[in-house]
Amino acid sequence: MATTLDPELLKILVCPETHAPLVQVGDWLYSTDAGTRRRYPIRDEIPIMLIDESEVVDEAAFNRVMQEIQEKAANG
């Protein structure tokens, strides 16, 4: 089961590389920066905000995730 981070915490966390906002999808925090397409793991309810621990997501997968986030926001 995925950990749900406190919305207030999510508001202040940013990508350590680009300072872009993050969005949570399951047990990952995705940077919204399309240039880097990084995602950071959440382990034991703790966001691991280290660039060395992040993964670069391929462009198609990143675009799908961002589209899903936009659709959820539009539908409330």
PDB file of N, CA and C in Angstrom:
ATOM      1  N   MET A   1       0.841  -1.191   0.000  1.00  0.00           N
ATOM      2  CA  MET A   1       0.000   0.000   0.000  1.00  0.00           C
ATOM      3  C   MET A   1       0.879   1.245   0.000  1.00  0.00           C
ATOM      4  N   ALA A   2       0.524   2.194  -0.826  1.00  0.00           N
ATOM      5  CA  ALA A   2       1.324   3.408  -0.958  1.00  0.00           C
ATOM      6  C   ALA A   2       1.142   4.322   0.250  1.00  0.00           C
ATOM      7  N   THR A   3       2.215   4.979   0.605  1.00  0.00           N
ATOM      8  CA  THR A   3       2.205   5.977   1.665  1.00  0.00           C
ATOM      9  C   THR A   3       1.636   7.273   1.108  1.00  0.00           C
ATOM     10  N   THR A   4       0.756   7.919   1.854  1.00  0.00           N
ATOM     11  CA  THR A   4       0.252   9.230   1.459  1.00  0.00           C
ATOM     12  C   THR A   4       0.923  10.276   2.331  1.00  0.00           C
ATOM     13  N   LEU A   5       1.705  11.132   1.707  1.00  0.00           N
ATOM     14  CA  LEU A   5       2.398  12.180   2.454  1.00  0.00           C
ATOM     15  C   LEU A   5       1.433  13.281   2.861  1.00  0.00           C
ATOM     16  N   ASP A   6       1.741  13.923   3.963  1.00  0.00           N
ATOM     17  CA  ASP A   6       0.971  15.064   4.436  1.00  0.00           C
ATOM     18  C   ASP A   6       0.997  16.145   3.348  1.00  0.00           C
ATOM     19  N   PRO A   7      -0.159  16.666   2.957  1.00  0.00           N
ATOM     20  CA  PRO A   7      -0.196  17.699   1.913  1.00  0.00           C
ATOM     21  C   PRO A   7       0.655  18.927   2.241  1.00  0.00           C
ATOM     22  N   GLU A   8       0.766  19.274   3.507  1.00  0.00           N
ATOM     23  CA  GLU A   8       1.593  20.426   3.890  1.00  0.00           C
ATOM     24  C   GLU A   8       3.073  20.146   3.630  1.00  0.00           C
ATOM     25  N   LEU A   9       3.505  18.910   3.876  1.00  0.00           N
ATOM     26  CA  LEU A   9       4.889  18.532   3.584  1.00  0.00           C
ATOM     27  C   LEU A   9       5.131  18.570   2.079  1.00  0.00           C
ATOM     28  N   LEU A  10       4.184  18.046   1.337  1.00  0.00           N
ATOM     29  CA  LEU A  10       4.329  18.009  -0.120  1.00  0.00           C
ATOM     30  C   LEU A  10       4.421  19.418  -0.710  1.00  0.00           C
ATOM     31  N   LYS A  11       3.782  20.390  -0.077  1.00  0.00           N
ATOM     32  CA  LYS A  11       3.845  21.777  -0.555  1.00  0.00           C
ATOM     33  C   LYS A  11       5.250  22.369  -0.445  1.00  0.00           C
ATOM     34  N   ILE A  12       6.031  21.911   0.543  1.00  0.00           N
ATOM     35  CA  ILE A  12       7.354  22.517   0.739  1.00  0.00           C
ATOM     36  C   ILE A  12       8.493  21.714   0.119  1.00  0.00           C
ATOM     37  N   LEU A  13       8.239  20.455  -0.222  1.00  0.00           N
ATOM     38  CA  LEU A  13       9.282  19.655  -0.864  1.00  0.00           C
ATOM     39  C   LEU A  13       9.421  20.064  -2.326  1.00  0.00           C
ATOM     40  N   VAL A  14      10.648  20.127  -2.796  1.00  0.00           N
ATOM     41  CA  VAL A  14      10.929  20.418  -4.206  1.00  0.00           C
ATOM     42  C   VAL A  14      12.031  19.481  -4.689  1.00  0.00           C
ATOM     43  N   CYS A  15      12.151  19.376  -5.978  1.00  0.00           N
ATOM     44  CA  CYS A  15      13.231  18.591  -6.571  1.00  0.00           C
ATOM     45  C   CYS A  15      14.565  19.218  -6.161  1.00  0.00           C
ATOM     46  N   PRO A  16      15.476  18.438  -5.593  1.00  0.00           N
ATOM     47  CA  PRO A  16      16.753  19.015  -5.177  1.00  0.00           C
ATOM     48  C   PRO A  16      17.632  19.463  -6.345  1.00  0.00           C
ATOM     49  N   GLU A  17      17.362  18.952  -7.524  1.00  0.00           N
ATOM     50  CA  GLU A  17      18.166  19.335  -8.688  1.00  0.00           C
ATOM     51  C   GLU A  17      17.660  20.619  -9.342  1.00  0.00           C
ATOM     52  N   THR A  18      16.339  20.715  -9.533  1.00  0.00           N
ATOM     53  CA  THR A  18      15.783  21.838 -10.296  1.00  0.00           C
ATOM     54  C   THR A  18      14.898  22.772  -9.472  1.00  0.00           C
ATOM     55  N   HIS A  19      14.566  22.363  -8.272  1.00  0.00           N
ATOM     56  CA  HIS A  19      13.654  23.110  -7.389  1.00  0.00           C
ATOM     57  C   HIS A  19      12.232  23.160  -7.929  1.00  0.00           C
ATOM     58  N   ALA A  20      11.905  22.243  -8.842  1.00  0.00           N
ATOM     59  CA  ALA A  20      10.545  22.152  -9.377  1.00  0.00           C
ATOM     60  C   ALA A  20       9.629  21.522  -8.328  1.00  0.00           C
ATOM     61  N   PRO A  21       8.337  21.851  -8.371  1.00  0.00           N
ATOM     62  CA  PRO A  21       7.380  21.203  -7.468  1.00  0.00           C
ATOM     63  C   PRO A  21       7.349  19.696  -7.717  1.00  0.00           C
ATOM     64  N   LEU A  22       6.880  18.968  -6.706  1.00  0.00           N
ATOM     65  CA  LEU A  22       6.772  17.517  -6.792  1.00  0.00           C
ATOM     66  C   LEU A  22       5.312  17.102  -6.707  1.00  0.00           C
ATOM     67  N   VAL A  23       4.994  15.975  -7.326  1.00  0.00           N
ATOM     68  CA  VAL A  23       3.673  15.369  -7.189  1.00  0.00           C
ATOM     69  C   VAL A  23       3.870  13.920  -6.778  1.00  0.00           C
ATOM     70  N   GLN A  24       2.967  13.438  -5.925  1.00  0.00           N
ATOM     71  CA  GLN A  24       3.089  12.061  -5.455  1.00  0.00           C
ATOM     72  C   GLN A  24       2.241  11.138  -6.306  1.00  0.00           C
ATOM     73  N   VAL A  25       2.857  10.042  -6.732  1.00  0.00           N
ATOM     74  CA  VAL A  25       2.174   8.970  -7.438  1.00  0.00           C
ATOM     75  C   VAL A  25       2.641   7.679  -6.791  1.00  0.00           C
ATOM     76  N   GLY A  26       1.763   7.052  -6.020  1.00  0.00           N
ATOM     77  CA  GLY A  26       2.141   5.845  -5.300  1.00  0.00           C
ATOM     78  C   GLY A  26       3.252   6.144  -4.315  1.00  0.00           C
ATOM     79  N   ASP A  27       4.283   5.335  -4.337  1.00  0.00           N
ATOM     80  CA  ASP A  27       5.425   5.515  -3.437  1.00  0.00           C
ATOM     81  C   ASP A  27       6.567   6.276  -4.104  1.00  0.00           C
ATOM     82  N   TRP A  28       6.220   7.211  -4.977  1.00  0.00           N
ATOM     83  CA  TRP A  28       7.213   8.033  -5.673  1.00  0.00           C
ATOM     84  C   TRP A  28       6.791   9.490  -5.649  1.00  0.00           C
ATOM     85  N   LEU A  29       7.781  10.368  -5.610  1.00  0.00           N
ATOM     86  CA  LEU A  29       7.562  11.798  -5.802  1.00  0.00           C
ATOM     87  C   LEU A  29       8.177  12.157  -7.150  1.00  0.00           C
ATOM     88  N   TYR A  30       7.349  12.642  -8.050  1.00  0.00           N
ATOM     89  CA  TYR A  30       7.806  13.006  -9.388  1.00  0.00           C
ATOM     90  C   TYR A  30       8.091  14.493  -9.449  1.00  0.00           C
ATOM     91  N   SER A  31       9.246  14.841  -9.974  1.00  0.00           N
ATOM     92  CA  SER A  31       9.535  16.237 -10.269  1.00  0.00           C
ATOM     93  C   SER A  31       8.678  16.631 -11.464  1.00  0.00           C
ATOM     94  N   THR A  32       8.136  17.829 -11.437  1.00  0.00           N
ATOM     95  CA  THR A  32       7.318  18.294 -12.556  1.00  0.00           C
ATOM     96  C   THR A  32       8.163  18.902 -13.674  1.00  0.00           C
ATOM     97  N   ASP A  33       9.478  18.850 -13.535  1.00  0.00           N
ATOM     98  CA  ASP A  33      10.385  19.395 -14.544  1.00  0.00           C
ATOM     99  C   ASP A  33      10.547  18.395 -15.689  1.00  0.00           C
ATOM    100  N   ALA A  34      10.027  18.753 -16.861  1.00  0.00           N
ATOM    101  CA  ALA A  34      10.079  17.853 -18.015  1.00  0.00           C
ATOM    102  C   ALA A  34      11.491  17.657 -18.544  1.00  0.00           C
ATOM    103  N   GLY A  35      12.390  18.556 -18.215  1.00  0.00           N
ATOM    104  CA  GLY A  35      13.764  18.434 -18.684  1.00  0.00           C
ATOM    105  C   GLY A  35      14.546  17.334 -17.988  1.00  0.00           C
ATOM    106  N   THR A  36      14.239  17.104 -16.721  1.00  0.00           N
ATOM    107  CA  THR A  36      14.986  16.085 -15.970  1.00  0.00           C
ATOM    108  C   THR A  36      14.197  14.798 -15.769  1.00  0.00           C
ATOM    109  N   ARG A  37      12.870  14.890 -15.649  1.00  0.00           N
ATOM    110  CA  ARG A  37      11.968  13.731 -15.493  1.00  0.00           C
ATOM    111  C   ARG A  37      12.385  12.818 -14.335  1.00  0.00           C
ATOM    112  N   ARG A  38      12.786  13.385 -13.217  1.00  0.00           N
ATOM    113  CA  ARG A  38      13.220  12.575 -12.075  1.00  0.00           C
ATOM    114  C   ARG A  38      12.048  12.192 -11.180  1.00  0.00           C
ATOM    115  N   ARG A  39      12.226  11.022 -10.530  1.00  0.00           N
ATOM    116  CA  ARG A  39      11.298  10.626  -9.480  1.00  0.00           C
ATOM    117  C   ARG A  39      12.109  10.142  -8.289  1.00  0.00           C
ATOM    118  N   TYR A  40      11.577  10.423  -7.108  1.00  0.00           N
ATOM    119  CA  TYR A  40      12.266  10.132  -5.853  1.00  0.00           C
ATOM    120  C   TYR A  40      11.430   9.142  -5.049  1.00  0.00           C
ATOM    121  N   PRO A  41      12.058   8.119  -4.488  1.00  0.00           N
ATOM    122  CA  PRO A  41      11.290   7.110  -3.753  1.00  0.00           C
ATOM    123  C   PRO A  41      10.840   7.595  -2.375  1.00  0.00           C
ATOM    124  N   ILE A  42       9.764   6.990  -1.911  1.00  0.00           N
ATOM    125  CA  ILE A  42       9.318   7.155  -0.527  1.00  0.00           C
ATOM    126  C   ILE A  42       9.507   5.787   0.114  1.00  0.00           C
ATOM    127  N   ARG A  43      10.343   5.727   1.137  1.00  0.00           N
ATOM    128  CA  ARG A  43      10.625   4.453   1.819  1.00  0.00           C
ATOM    129  C   ARG A  43      10.286   4.584   3.294  1.00  0.00           C
ATOM    130  N   ASP A  44       9.504   3.652   3.788  1.00  0.00           N
ATOM    131  CA  ASP A  44       9.106   3.674   5.205  1.00  0.00           C
ATOM    132  C   ASP A  44       8.534   5.037   5.588  1.00  0.00           C
ATOM    133  N   GLU A  45       7.697   5.589   4.705  1.00  0.00           N
ATOM    134  CA  GLU A  45       7.016   6.870   4.905  1.00  0.00           C
ATOM    135  C   GLU A  45       7.954   8.078   4.900  1.00  0.00           C
ATOM    136  N   ILE A  46       9.176   7.898   4.402  1.00  0.00           N
ATOM    137  CA  ILE A  46      10.166   8.982   4.358  1.00  0.00           C
ATOM    138  C   ILE A  46      10.552   9.250   2.901  1.00  0.00           C
ATOM    139  N   PRO A  47      10.347  10.487   2.421  1.00  0.00           N
ATOM    140  CA  PRO A  47      10.800  10.819   1.070  1.00  0.00           C
ATOM    141  C   PRO A  47      12.329  10.845   1.023  1.00  0.00           C
ATOM    142  N   ILE A  48      12.893  10.139   0.064  1.00  0.00           N
ATOM    143  CA  ILE A  48      14.346  10.089  -0.104  1.00  0.00           C
ATOM    144  C   ILE A  48      14.705  11.113  -1.183  1.00  0.00           C
ATOM    145  N   MET A  49      15.093  12.297  -0.739  1.00  0.00           N
ATOM    146  CA  MET A  49      15.303  13.421  -1.647  1.00  0.00           C
ATOM    147  C   MET A  49      16.773  13.579  -2.031  1.00  0.00           C
ATOM    148  N   LEU A  50      17.379  12.485  -2.422  1.00  0.00           N
ATOM    149  CA  LEU A  50      18.776  12.483  -2.858  1.00  0.00           C
ATOM    150  C   LEU A  50      18.816  12.213  -4.360  1.00  0.00           C
ATOM    151  N   ILE A  51      19.524  13.041  -5.089  1.00  0.00           N
ATOM    152  CA  ILE A  51      19.611  12.859  -6.538  1.00  0.00           C
ATOM    153  C   ILE A  51      20.158  11.476  -6.874  1.00  0.00           C
ATOM    154  N   ASP A  52      21.131  11.006  -6.109  1.00  0.00           N
ATOM    155  CA  ASP A  52      21.713   9.687  -6.368  1.00  0.00           C
ATOM    156  C   ASP A  52      20.713   8.549  -6.175  1.00  0.00           C
ATOM    157  N   GLU A  53      19.662   8.773  -5.410  1.00  0.00           N
ATOM    158  CA  GLU A  53      18.641   7.749  -5.169  1.00  0.00           C
ATOM    159  C   GLU A  53      17.455   7.884  -6.127  1.00  0.00           C
ATOM    160  N   SER A  54      17.448   8.946  -6.923  1.00  0.00           N
ATOM    161  CA  SER A  54      16.327   9.173  -7.839  1.00  0.00           C
ATOM    162  C   SER A  54      16.491   8.330  -9.100  1.00  0.00           C
ATOM    163  N   GLU A  55      15.411   8.270  -9.859  1.00  0.00           N
ATOM    164  CA  GLU A  55      15.424   7.594 -11.149  1.00  0.00           C
ATOM    165  C   GLU A  55      14.977   8.589 -12.212  1.00  0.00           C
ATOM    166  N   VAL A  56      15.531   8.453 -13.399  1.00  0.00           N
ATOM    167  CA  VAL A  56      15.070   9.249 -14.534  1.00  0.00           C
ATOM    168  C   VAL A  56      14.036   8.409 -15.271  1.00  0.00           C
ATOM    169  N   VAL A  57      12.856   8.979 -15.451  1.00  0.00           N
ATOM    170  CA  VAL A  57      11.747   8.286 -16.095  1.00  0.00           C
ATOM    171  C   VAL A  57      11.793   8.583 -17.589  1.00  0.00           C
ATOM    172  N   ASP A  58      11.477   7.572 -18.417  1.00  0.00           N
ATOM    173  CA  ASP A  58      11.484   7.844 -19.856  1.00  0.00           C
ATOM    174  C   ASP A  58      10.376   8.845 -20.194  1.00  0.00           C
ATOM    175  N   GLU A  59      10.539   9.516 -21.301  1.00  0.00           N
ATOM    176  CA  GLU A  59       9.668  10.637 -21.655  1.00  0.00           C
ATOM    177  C   GLU A  59       8.199  10.238 -21.757  1.00  0.00           C
ATOM    178  N   ALA A  60       7.914   9.092 -22.371  1.00  0.00           N
ATOM    179  CA  ALA A  60       6.519   8.660 -22.530  1.00  0.00           C
ATOM    180  C   ALA A  60       5.867   8.404 -21.171  1.00  0.00           C
ATOM    181  N   ALA A  61       6.577   7.731 -20.276  1.00  0.00           N
ATOM    182  CA  ALA A  61       6.036   7.456 -18.938  1.00  0.00           C
ATOM    183  C   ALA A  61       5.832   8.751 -18.162  1.00  0.00           C
ATOM    184  N   PHE A  62       6.784   9.675 -18.260  1.00  0.00           N
ATOM    185  CA  PHE A  62       6.659  10.966 -17.580  1.00  0.00           C
ATOM    186  C   PHE A  62       5.423  11.704 -18.082  1.00  0.00           C
ATOM    187  N   ASN A  63       5.235  11.737 -19.389  1.00  0.00           N
ATOM    188  CA  ASN A  63       4.084  12.438 -19.962  1.00  0.00           C
ATOM    189  C   ASN A  63       2.767  11.819 -19.510  1.00  0.00           C
ATOM    190  N   ARG A  64       2.710  10.483 -19.409  1.00  0.00           N
ATOM    191  CA  ARG A  64       1.498   9.812 -18.923  1.00  0.00           C
ATOM    192  C   ARG A  64       1.187  10.217 -17.488  1.00  0.00           C
ATOM    193  N   VAL A  65       2.215  10.209 -16.640  1.00  0.00           N
ATOM    194  CA  VAL A  65       2.024  10.573 -15.234  1.00  0.00           C
ATOM    195  C   VAL A  65       1.549  12.016 -15.121  1.00  0.00           C
ATOM    196  N   MET A  66       2.171  12.924 -15.838  1.00  0.00           N
ATOM    197  CA  MET A  66       1.780  14.333 -15.752  1.00  0.00           C
ATOM    198  C   MET A  66       0.356  14.540 -16.276  1.00  0.00           C
ATOM    199  N   GLN A  67      -0.020  13.806 -17.320  1.00  0.00           N
ATOM    200  CA  GLN A  67      -1.379  13.912 -17.848  1.00  0.00           C
ATOM    201  C   GLN A  67      -2.387  13.408 -16.820  1.00  0.00           C
ATOM    202  N   GLU A  68      -2.087  12.288 -16.156  1.00  0.00           N
ATOM    203  CA  GLU A  68      -2.978  11.763 -15.116  1.00  0.00           C
ATOM    204  C   GLU A  68      -3.151  12.772 -13.988  1.00  0.00           C
ATOM    205  N   ILE A  69      -2.062  13.412 -13.583  1.00  0.00           N
ATOM    206  CA  ILE A  69      -2.118  14.415 -12.513  1.00  0.00           C
ATOM    207  C   ILE A  69      -3.005  15.582 -12.944  1.00  0.00           C
ATOM    208  N   GLN A  70      -2.836  16.047 -14.171  1.00  0.00           N
ATOM    209  CA  GLN A  70      -3.643  17.166 -14.673  1.00  0.00           C
ATOM    210  C   GLN A  70      -5.122  16.797 -14.739  1.00  0.00           C
ATOM    211  N   GLU A  71      -5.425  15.565 -15.170  1.00  0.00           N
ATOM    212  CA  GLU A  71      -6.819  15.126 -15.255  1.00  0.00           C
ATOM    213  C   GLU A  71      -7.450  15.038 -13.871  1.00  0.00           C
ATOM    214  N   LYS A  72      -6.707  14.525 -12.893  1.00  0.00           N
ATOM    215  CA  LYS A  72      -7.229  14.453 -11.525  1.00  0.00           C
ATOM    216  C   LYS A  72      -7.499  15.844 -10.973  1.00  0.00           C
ATOM    217  N   ALA A  73      -6.607  16.779 -11.249  1.00  0.00           N
ATOM    218  CA  ALA A  73      -6.785  18.154 -10.767  1.00  0.00           C
ATOM    219  C   ALA A  73      -8.001  18.803 -11.431  1.00  0.00           C
ATOM    220  N   ALA A  74      -8.206  18.532 -12.706  1.00  0.00           N
ATOM    221  CA  ALA A  74      -9.330  19.122 -13.429  1.00  0.00           C
ATOM    222  C   ALA A  74     -10.670  18.556 -12.961  1.00  0.00           C
ATOM    223  N   ASN A  75     -10.654  17.293 -12.545  1.00  0.00           N
ATOM    224  CA  ASN A  75     -11.891  16.639 -12.106  1.00  0.00           C
ATOM    225  C   ASN A  75     -12.157  16.809 -10.617  1.00  0.00           C
ATOM    226  N   GLY A  76     -11.255  17.497  -9.938  1.00  0.00           N
ATOM    227  CA  GLY A  76     -11.434  17.798  -8.517  1.00  0.00           C
ATOM    228  C   GLY A  76     -11.111  16.653  -7.683  1.00  0.00           C
TER     229      GLY A  76
END
